[in-house]
Amino acid sequence: HGGQVVSWRNEHGEELLFSSSKAIFKPPKV
């Protein structure tokens, strides 16, 4: 959906990109 990268983690499993805790995951919301 959107060709959107939603996660990028390093070799320790640490998330490097921010995503809001209130993000709405349901289309058509981005």
PDB file of all heavy atoms in Angstrom:
ATOM      1  N   HIS A   1       0.865  -1.183   0.000  1.00  0.00           N
ATOM      2  CA  HIS A   1       0.000   0.000   0.000  1.00  0.00           C
ATOM      3  C   HIS A   1       0.895   1.223   0.000  1.00  0.00           C
ATOM      4  O   HIS A   1       1.536   1.560   0.998  1.00  0.00           O
ATOM      5  CB  HIS A   1      -0.931   0.025   1.208  1.00  0.00           C
ATOM      6  CG  HIS A   1      -1.811   1.246   1.235  1.00  0.00           C
ATOM      7  ND1 HIS A   1      -2.839   1.419   0.350  1.00  0.00           N
ATOM      8  CD2 HIS A   1      -1.782   2.361   2.016  1.00  0.00           C
ATOM      9  CE1 HIS A   1      -3.425   2.580   0.576  1.00  0.00           C
ATOM     10  NE2 HIS A   1      -2.797   3.169   1.590  1.00  0.00           N
ATOM     11  N   GLY A   2       0.999   1.889  -1.126  1.00  0.00           N
ATOM     12  CA  GLY A   2       1.798   3.099  -1.241  1.00  0.00           C
ATOM     13  C   GLY A   2       3.261   2.868  -1.543  1.00  0.00           C
ATOM     14  O   GLY A   2       4.010   3.832  -1.693  1.00  0.00           O
ATOM     15  N   GLY A   3       3.703   1.597  -1.614  1.00  0.00           N
ATOM     16  CA  GLY A   3       5.131   1.352  -1.779  1.00  0.00           C
ATOM     17  C   GLY A   3       5.919   1.968  -0.635  1.00  0.00           C
ATOM     18  O   GLY A   3       7.060   2.398  -0.802  1.00  0.00           O
ATOM     19  N   GLN A   4       5.317   2.001   0.550  1.00  0.00           N
ATOM     20  CA  GLN A   4       5.862   2.747   1.682  1.00  0.00           C
ATOM     21  C   GLN A   4       6.733   1.863   2.560  1.00  0.00           C
ATOM     22  O   GLN A   4       6.295   0.820   3.050  1.00  0.00           O
ATOM     23  CB  GLN A   4       4.715   3.334   2.516  1.00  0.00           C
ATOM     24  CG  GLN A   4       5.177   4.154   3.705  1.00  0.00           C
ATOM     25  CD  GLN A   4       4.020   4.859   4.391  1.00  0.00           C
ATOM     26  OE1 GLN A   4       2.897   4.913   3.877  1.00  0.00           O
ATOM     27  NE2 GLN A   4       4.270   5.436   5.555  1.00  0.00           N
ATOM     28  N   VAL A   5       7.979   2.288   2.781  1.00  0.00           N
ATOM     29  CA  VAL A   5       8.812   1.630   3.788  1.00  0.00           C
ATOM     30  C   VAL A   5       8.223   1.966   5.147  1.00  0.00           C
ATOM     31  O   VAL A   5       8.064   3.144   5.491  1.00  0.00           O
ATOM     32  CB  VAL A   5      10.274   2.103   3.692  1.00  0.00           C
ATOM     33  CG1 VAL A   5      11.087   1.565   4.871  1.00  0.00           C
ATOM     34  CG2 VAL A   5      10.903   1.653   2.375  1.00  0.00           C
ATOM     35  N   VAL A   6       7.876   0.939   5.919  1.00  0.00           N
ATOM     36  CA  VAL A   6       7.246   1.165   7.219  1.00  0.00           C
ATOM     37  C   VAL A   6       8.180   0.833   8.378  1.00  0.00           C
ATOM     38  O   VAL A   6       7.887   1.162   9.523  1.00  0.00           O
ATOM     39  CB  VAL A   6       5.921   0.372   7.352  1.00  0.00           C
ATOM     40  CG1 VAL A   6       4.896   0.880   6.354  1.00  0.00           C
ATOM     41  CG2 VAL A   6       6.140  -1.130   7.168  1.00  0.00           C
ATOM     42  N   SER A   7       9.321   0.189   8.075  1.00  0.00           N
ATOM     43  CA  SER A   7      10.277  -0.133   9.132  1.00  0.00           C
ATOM     44  C   SER A   7      11.657  -0.316   8.526  1.00  0.00           C
ATOM     45  O   SER A   7      11.807  -0.856   7.431  1.00  0.00           O
ATOM     46  CB  SER A   7       9.851  -1.420   9.861  1.00  0.00           C
ATOM     47  OG  SER A   7      10.854  -1.843  10.781  1.00  0.00           O
ATOM     48  N   TRP A   8      12.668   0.149   9.270  1.00  0.00           N
ATOM     49  CA  TRP A   8      14.072  -0.090   8.918  1.00  0.00           C
ATOM     50  C   TRP A   8      14.823  -0.270  10.228  1.00  0.00           C
ATOM     51  O   TRP A   8      14.864   0.636  11.047  1.00  0.00           O
ATOM     52  CB  TRP A   8      14.622   1.092   8.106  1.00  0.00           C
ATOM     53  CG  TRP A   8      16.103   1.057   7.852  1.00  0.00           C
ATOM     54  CD1 TRP A   8      16.871  -0.031   7.544  1.00  0.00           C
ATOM     55  CD2 TRP A   8      16.998   2.182   7.892  1.00  0.00           C
ATOM     56  NE1 TRP A   8      18.180   0.341   7.379  1.00  0.00           N
ATOM     57  CE2 TRP A   8      18.297   1.696   7.583  1.00  0.00           C
ATOM     58  CE3 TRP A   8      16.845   3.551   8.136  1.00  0.00           C
ATOM     59  CZ2 TRP A   8      19.420   2.521   7.539  1.00  0.00           C
ATOM     60  CZ3 TRP A   8      17.960   4.372   8.090  1.00  0.00           C
ATOM     61  CH2 TRP A   8      19.222   3.860   7.793  1.00  0.00           C
ATOM     62  N   ARG A   9      15.352  -1.457  10.433  1.00  0.00           N
ATOM     63  CA  ARG A   9      16.023  -1.787  11.693  1.00  0.00           C
ATOM     64  C   ARG A   9      17.485  -2.140  11.445  1.00  0.00           C
ATOM     65  O   ARG A   9      17.815  -2.747  10.424  1.00  0.00           O
ATOM     66  CB  ARG A   9      15.324  -2.961  12.395  1.00  0.00           C
ATOM     67  CG  ARG A   9      13.904  -2.640  12.855  1.00  0.00           C
ATOM     68  CD  ARG A   9      13.227  -3.850  13.488  1.00  0.00           C
ATOM     69  NE  ARG A   9      11.873  -3.557  13.916  1.00  0.00           N
ATOM     70  CZ  ARG A   9      11.541  -3.132  15.132  1.00  0.00           C
ATOM     71  NH1 ARG A   9      12.495  -2.966  16.051  1.00  0.00           N
ATOM     72  NH2 ARG A   9      10.291  -2.876  15.440  1.00  0.00           N
ATOM     73  N   ASN A  10      18.333  -1.793  12.416  1.00  0.00           N
ATOM     74  CA  ASN A  10      19.739  -2.167  12.307  1.00  0.00           C
ATOM     75  C   ASN A  10      19.945  -3.603  12.778  1.00  0.00           C
ATOM     76  O   ASN A  10      18.984  -4.306  13.126  1.00  0.00           O
ATOM     77  CB  ASN A  10      20.628  -1.172  13.080  1.00  0.00           C
ATOM     78  CG  ASN A  10      20.341  -1.155  14.576  1.00  0.00           C
ATOM     79  OD1 ASN A  10      19.744  -2.089  15.127  1.00  0.00           O
ATOM     80  ND2 ASN A  10      20.762  -0.097  15.247  1.00  0.00           N
ATOM     81  N   GLU A  11      21.209  -4.037  12.789  1.00  0.00           N
ATOM     82  CA  GLU A  11      21.502  -5.444  13.110  1.00  0.00           C
ATOM     83  C   GLU A  11      21.164  -5.798  14.551  1.00  0.00           C
ATOM     84  O   GLU A  11      21.054  -6.974  14.902  1.00  0.00           O
ATOM     85  CB  GLU A  11      22.975  -5.760  12.827  1.00  0.00           C
ATOM     86  CG  GLU A  11      23.983  -5.064  13.722  1.00  0.00           C
ATOM     87  CD  GLU A  11      24.363  -3.683  13.209  1.00  0.00           C
ATOM     88  OE1 GLU A  11      23.626  -3.093  12.388  1.00  0.00           O
ATOM     89  OE2 GLU A  11      25.424  -3.170  13.646  1.00  0.00           O
ATOM     90  N   HIS A  12      20.950  -4.760  15.420  1.00  0.00           N
ATOM     91  CA  HIS A  12      20.550  -5.013  16.811  1.00  0.00           C
ATOM     92  C   HIS A  12      19.034  -5.004  16.977  1.00  0.00           C
ATOM     93  O   HIS A  12      18.538  -5.133  18.106  1.00  0.00           O
ATOM     94  CB  HIS A  12      21.175  -3.959  17.722  1.00  0.00           C
ATOM     95  CG  HIS A  12      22.662  -3.841  17.584  1.00  0.00           C
ATOM     96  ND1 HIS A  12      23.532  -4.874  17.876  1.00  0.00           N
ATOM     97  CD2 HIS A  12      23.432  -2.806  17.148  1.00  0.00           C
ATOM     98  CE1 HIS A  12      24.777  -4.484  17.643  1.00  0.00           C
ATOM     99  NE2 HIS A  12      24.741  -3.243  17.195  1.00  0.00           N
ATOM    100  N   GLY A  13      18.311  -4.834  15.873  1.00  0.00           N
ATOM    101  CA  GLY A  13      16.849  -4.798  15.930  1.00  0.00           C
ATOM    102  C   GLY A  13      16.278  -3.453  16.316  1.00  0.00           C
ATOM    103  O   GLY A  13      15.067  -3.324  16.539  1.00  0.00           O
ATOM    104  N   GLU A  14      17.120  -2.423  16.377  1.00  0.00           N
ATOM    105  CA  GLU A  14      16.664  -1.090  16.764  1.00  0.00           C
ATOM    106  C   GLU A  14      16.010  -0.387  15.577  1.00  0.00           C
ATOM    107  O   GLU A  14      16.581  -0.331  14.486  1.00  0.00           O
ATOM    108  CB  GLU A  14      17.864  -0.273  17.256  1.00  0.00           C
ATOM    109  CG  GLU A  14      17.508   1.119  17.735  1.00  0.00           C
ATOM    110  CD  GLU A  14      18.736   1.920  18.134  1.00  0.00           C
ATOM    111  OE1 GLU A  14      19.874   1.474  17.855  1.00  0.00           O
ATOM    112  OE2 GLU A  14      18.557   2.998  18.722  1.00  0.00           O
ATOM    113  N   GLU A  15      14.806   0.154  15.794  1.00  0.00           N
ATOM    114  CA  GLU A  15      14.074   0.852  14.734  1.00  0.00           C
ATOM    115  C   GLU A  15      14.714   2.214  14.467  1.00  0.00           C
ATOM    116  O   GLU A  15      14.938   2.998  15.391  1.00  0.00           O
ATOM    117  CB  GLU A  15      12.604   1.022  15.126  1.00  0.00           C
ATOM    118  CG  GLU A  15      11.752   1.710  14.074  1.00  0.00           C
ATOM    119  CD  GLU A  15      11.730   0.982  12.749  1.00  0.00           C
ATOM    120  OE1 GLU A  15      11.251  -0.170  12.719  1.00  0.00           O
ATOM    121  OE2 GLU A  15      12.200   1.560  11.752  1.00  0.00           O
ATOM    122  N   LEU A  16      14.982   2.494  13.202  1.00  0.00           N
ATOM    123  CA  LEU A  16      15.655   3.723  12.804  1.00  0.00           C
ATOM    124  C   LEU A  16      14.697   4.767  12.229  1.00  0.00           C
ATOM    125  O   LEU A  16      15.047   5.947  12.137  1.00  0.00           O
ATOM    126  CB  LEU A  16      16.754   3.407  11.782  1.00  0.00           C
ATOM    127  CG  LEU A  16      17.824   2.421  12.285  1.00  0.00           C
ATOM    128  CD1 LEU A  16      18.722   1.972  11.150  1.00  0.00           C
ATOM    129  CD2 LEU A  16      18.642   3.046  13.411  1.00  0.00           C
ATOM    130  N   LEU A  17      13.509   4.333  11.828  1.00  0.00           N
ATOM    131  CA  LEU A  17      12.501   5.249  11.306  1.00  0.00           C
ATOM    132  C   LEU A  17      11.433   5.499  12.362  1.00  0.00           C
ATOM    133  O   LEU A  17      11.109   4.609  13.152  1.00  0.00           O
ATOM    134  CB  LEU A  17      11.854   4.688  10.042  1.00  0.00           C
ATOM    135  CG  LEU A  17      12.778   4.444   8.851  1.00  0.00           C
ATOM    136  CD1 LEU A  17      12.000   3.826   7.704  1.00  0.00           C
ATOM    137  CD2 LEU A  17      13.463   5.740   8.406  1.00  0.00           C
ATOM    138  N   PHE A  18      10.871   6.692  12.342  1.00  0.00           N
ATOM    139  CA  PHE A  18       9.793   7.034  13.264  1.00  0.00           C
ATOM    140  C   PHE A  18       8.446   6.654  12.674  1.00  0.00           C
ATOM    141  O   PHE A  18       8.186   6.886  11.483  1.00  0.00           O
ATOM    142  CB  PHE A  18       9.813   8.538  13.543  1.00  0.00           C
ATOM    143  CG  PHE A  18       8.576   9.045  14.243  1.00  0.00           C
ATOM    144  CD1 PHE A  18       8.472   8.996  15.621  1.00  0.00           C
ATOM    145  CD2 PHE A  18       7.516   9.561  13.508  1.00  0.00           C
ATOM    146  CE1 PHE A  18       7.317   9.462  16.251  1.00  0.00           C
ATOM    147  CE2 PHE A  18       6.368  10.030  14.127  1.00  0.00           C
ATOM    148  CZ  PHE A  18       6.271   9.978  15.503  1.00  0.00           C
ATOM    149  N   SER A  19       7.581   6.077  13.491  1.00  0.00           N
ATOM    150  CA  SER A  19       6.159   5.918  13.169  1.00  0.00           C
ATOM    151  C   SER A  19       5.368   6.327  14.401  1.00  0.00           C
ATOM    152  O   SER A  19       5.717   5.950  15.523  1.00  0.00           O
ATOM    153  CB  SER A  19       5.814   4.478  12.776  1.00  0.00           C
ATOM    154  OG  SER A  19       6.366   4.151  11.531  1.00  0.00           O
ATOM    155  N   SER A  20       4.319   7.087  14.194  1.00  0.00           N
ATOM    156  CA  SER A  20       3.543   7.576  15.328  1.00  0.00           C
ATOM    157  C   SER A  20       2.801   6.436  16.022  1.00  0.00           C
ATOM    158  O   SER A  20       2.295   5.523  15.376  1.00  0.00           O
ATOM    159  CB  SER A  20       2.535   8.626  14.861  1.00  0.00           C
ATOM    160  OG  SER A  20       1.674   8.982  15.922  1.00  0.00           O
ATOM    161  N   SER A  21       2.718   6.532  17.343  1.00  0.00           N
ATOM    162  CA  SER A  21       1.936   5.554  18.113  1.00  0.00           C
ATOM    163  C   SER A  21       0.451   5.695  17.813  1.00  0.00           C
ATOM    164  O   SER A  21      -0.329   4.778  18.063  1.00  0.00           O
ATOM    165  CB  SER A  21       2.181   5.756  19.608  1.00  0.00           C
ATOM    166  OG  SER A  21       1.730   7.043  20.008  1.00  0.00           O
ATOM    167  N   LYS A  22       0.056   6.845  17.248  1.00  0.00           N
ATOM    168  CA  LYS A  22      -1.345   7.071  16.892  1.00  0.00           C
ATOM    169  C   LYS A  22      -1.590   6.915  15.397  1.00  0.00           C
ATOM    170  O   LYS A  22      -2.645   7.286  14.892  1.00  0.00           O
ATOM    171  CB  LYS A  22      -1.784   8.470  17.343  1.00  0.00           C
ATOM    172  CG  LYS A  22      -1.834   8.625  18.864  1.00  0.00           C
ATOM    173  CD  LYS A  22      -2.532   9.911  19.251  1.00  0.00           C
ATOM    174  CE  LYS A  22      -2.753   9.977  20.755  1.00  0.00           C
ATOM    175  NZ  LYS A  22      -3.475  11.208  21.140  1.00  0.00           N
ATOM    176  N   ALA A  23      -0.604   6.377  14.695  1.00  0.00           N
ATOM    177  CA  ALA A  23      -0.744   6.213  13.243  1.00  0.00           C
ATOM    178  C   ALA A  23      -1.957   5.352  12.922  1.00  0.00           C
ATOM    179  O   ALA A  23      -2.269   4.389  13.631  1.00  0.00           O
ATOM    180  CB  ALA A  23       0.516   5.568  12.672  1.00  0.00           C
ATOM    181  N   ILE A  24      -2.646   5.721  11.858  1.00  0.00           N
ATOM    182  CA  ILE A  24      -3.822   4.968  11.392  1.00  0.00           C
ATOM    183  C   ILE A  24      -3.368   4.085  10.236  1.00  0.00           C
ATOM    184  O   ILE A  24      -2.864   4.571   9.229  1.00  0.00           O
ATOM    185  CB  ILE A  24      -4.935   5.938  10.952  1.00  0.00           C
ATOM    186  CG1 ILE A  24      -5.348   6.820  12.136  1.00  0.00           C
ATOM    187  CG2 ILE A  24      -6.136   5.178  10.386  1.00  0.00           C
ATOM    188  CD1 ILE A  24      -6.188   8.021  11.757  1.00  0.00           C
ATOM    189  N   PHE A  25      -3.513   2.776  10.410  1.00  0.00           N
ATOM    190  CA  PHE A  25      -2.971   1.827   9.447  1.00  0.00           C
ATOM    191  C   PHE A  25      -3.963   1.438   8.359  1.00  0.00           C
ATOM    192  O   PHE A  25      -3.641   0.653   7.500  1.00  0.00           O
ATOM    193  CB  PHE A  25      -2.506   0.553  10.176  1.00  0.00           C
ATOM    194  CG  PHE A  25      -1.218   0.729  10.930  1.00  0.00           C
ATOM    195  CD1 PHE A  25      -1.215   1.286  12.193  1.00  0.00           C
ATOM    196  CD2 PHE A  25      -0.011   0.352  10.370  1.00  0.00           C
ATOM    197  CE1 PHE A  25      -0.034   1.453  12.893  1.00  0.00           C
ATOM    198  CE2 PHE A  25       1.169   0.509  11.063  1.00  0.00           C
ATOM    199  CZ  PHE A  25       1.158   1.064  12.324  1.00  0.00           C
ATOM    200  N   LYS A  26      -5.171   1.997   8.432  1.00  0.00           N
ATOM    201  CA  LYS A  26      -6.198   1.532   7.514  1.00  0.00           C
ATOM    202  C   LYS A  26      -6.315   2.457   6.312  1.00  0.00           C
ATOM    203  O   LYS A  26      -6.579   3.647   6.469  1.00  0.00           O
ATOM    204  CB  LYS A  26      -7.544   1.445   8.240  1.00  0.00           C
ATOM    205  CG  LYS A  26      -8.569   0.621   7.506  1.00  0.00           C
ATOM    206  CD  LYS A  26      -9.602   0.047   8.462  1.00  0.00           C
ATOM    207  CE  LYS A  26     -10.497  -0.936   7.732  1.00  0.00           C
ATOM    208  NZ  LYS A  26     -11.458  -1.572   8.609  1.00  0.00           N
ATOM    209  N   PRO A  27      -6.134   1.945   5.079  1.00  0.00           N
ATOM    210  CA  PRO A  27      -6.362   2.770   3.883  1.00  0.00           C
ATOM    211  C   PRO A  27      -7.792   3.303   3.888  1.00  0.00           C
ATOM    212  O   PRO A  27      -8.687   2.628   4.402  1.00  0.00           O
ATOM    213  CB  PRO A  27      -6.148   1.785   2.734  1.00  0.00           C
ATOM    214  CG  PRO A  27      -5.297   0.699   3.312  1.00  0.00           C
ATOM    215  CD  PRO A  27      -5.713   0.587   4.757  1.00  0.00           C
ATOM    216  N   PRO A  28      -8.067   4.492   3.335  1.00  0.00           N
ATOM    217  CA  PRO A  28      -7.126   5.287   2.526  1.00  0.00           C
ATOM    218  C   PRO A  28      -6.215   6.201   3.335  1.00  0.00           C
ATOM    219  O   PRO A  28      -5.508   7.011   2.742  1.00  0.00           O
ATOM    220  CB  PRO A  28      -8.064   6.115   1.649  1.00  0.00           C
ATOM    221  CG  PRO A  28      -9.266   6.339   2.511  1.00  0.00           C
ATOM    222  CD  PRO A  28      -9.424   5.081   3.322  1.00  0.00           C
ATOM    223  N   LYS A  29      -6.192   6.095   4.656  1.00  0.00           N
ATOM    224  CA  LYS A  29      -5.297   6.925   5.448  1.00  0.00           C
ATOM    225  C   LYS A  29      -3.858   6.463   5.247  1.00  0.00           C
ATOM    226  O   LYS A  29      -3.581   5.266   5.250  1.00  0.00           O
ATOM    227  CB  LYS A  29      -5.666   6.833   6.937  1.00  0.00           C
ATOM    228  CG  LYS A  29      -4.947   7.836   7.819  1.00  0.00           C
ATOM    229  CD  LYS A  29      -5.396   9.245   7.556  1.00  0.00           C
ATOM    230  CE  LYS A  29      -4.710  10.233   8.492  1.00  0.00           C
ATOM    231  NZ  LYS A  29      -5.033  11.622   8.186  1.00  0.00           N
ATOM    232  N   VAL A  30      -2.956   7.420   5.061  1.00  0.00           N
ATOM    233  CA  VAL A  30      -1.543   7.098   4.888  1.00  0.00           C
ATOM    234  C   VAL A  30      -0.885   6.987   6.260  1.00  0.00           C
ATOM    235  O   VAL A  30      -1.115   7.829   7.131  1.00  0.00           O
ATOM    236  CB  VAL A  30      -0.837   8.179   4.042  1.00  0.00           C
ATOM    237  CG1 VAL A  30       0.659   7.893   3.927  1.00  0.00           C
ATOM    238  CG2 VAL A  30      -1.469   8.251   2.656  1.00  0.00           C
TER     239      VAL A  30
END
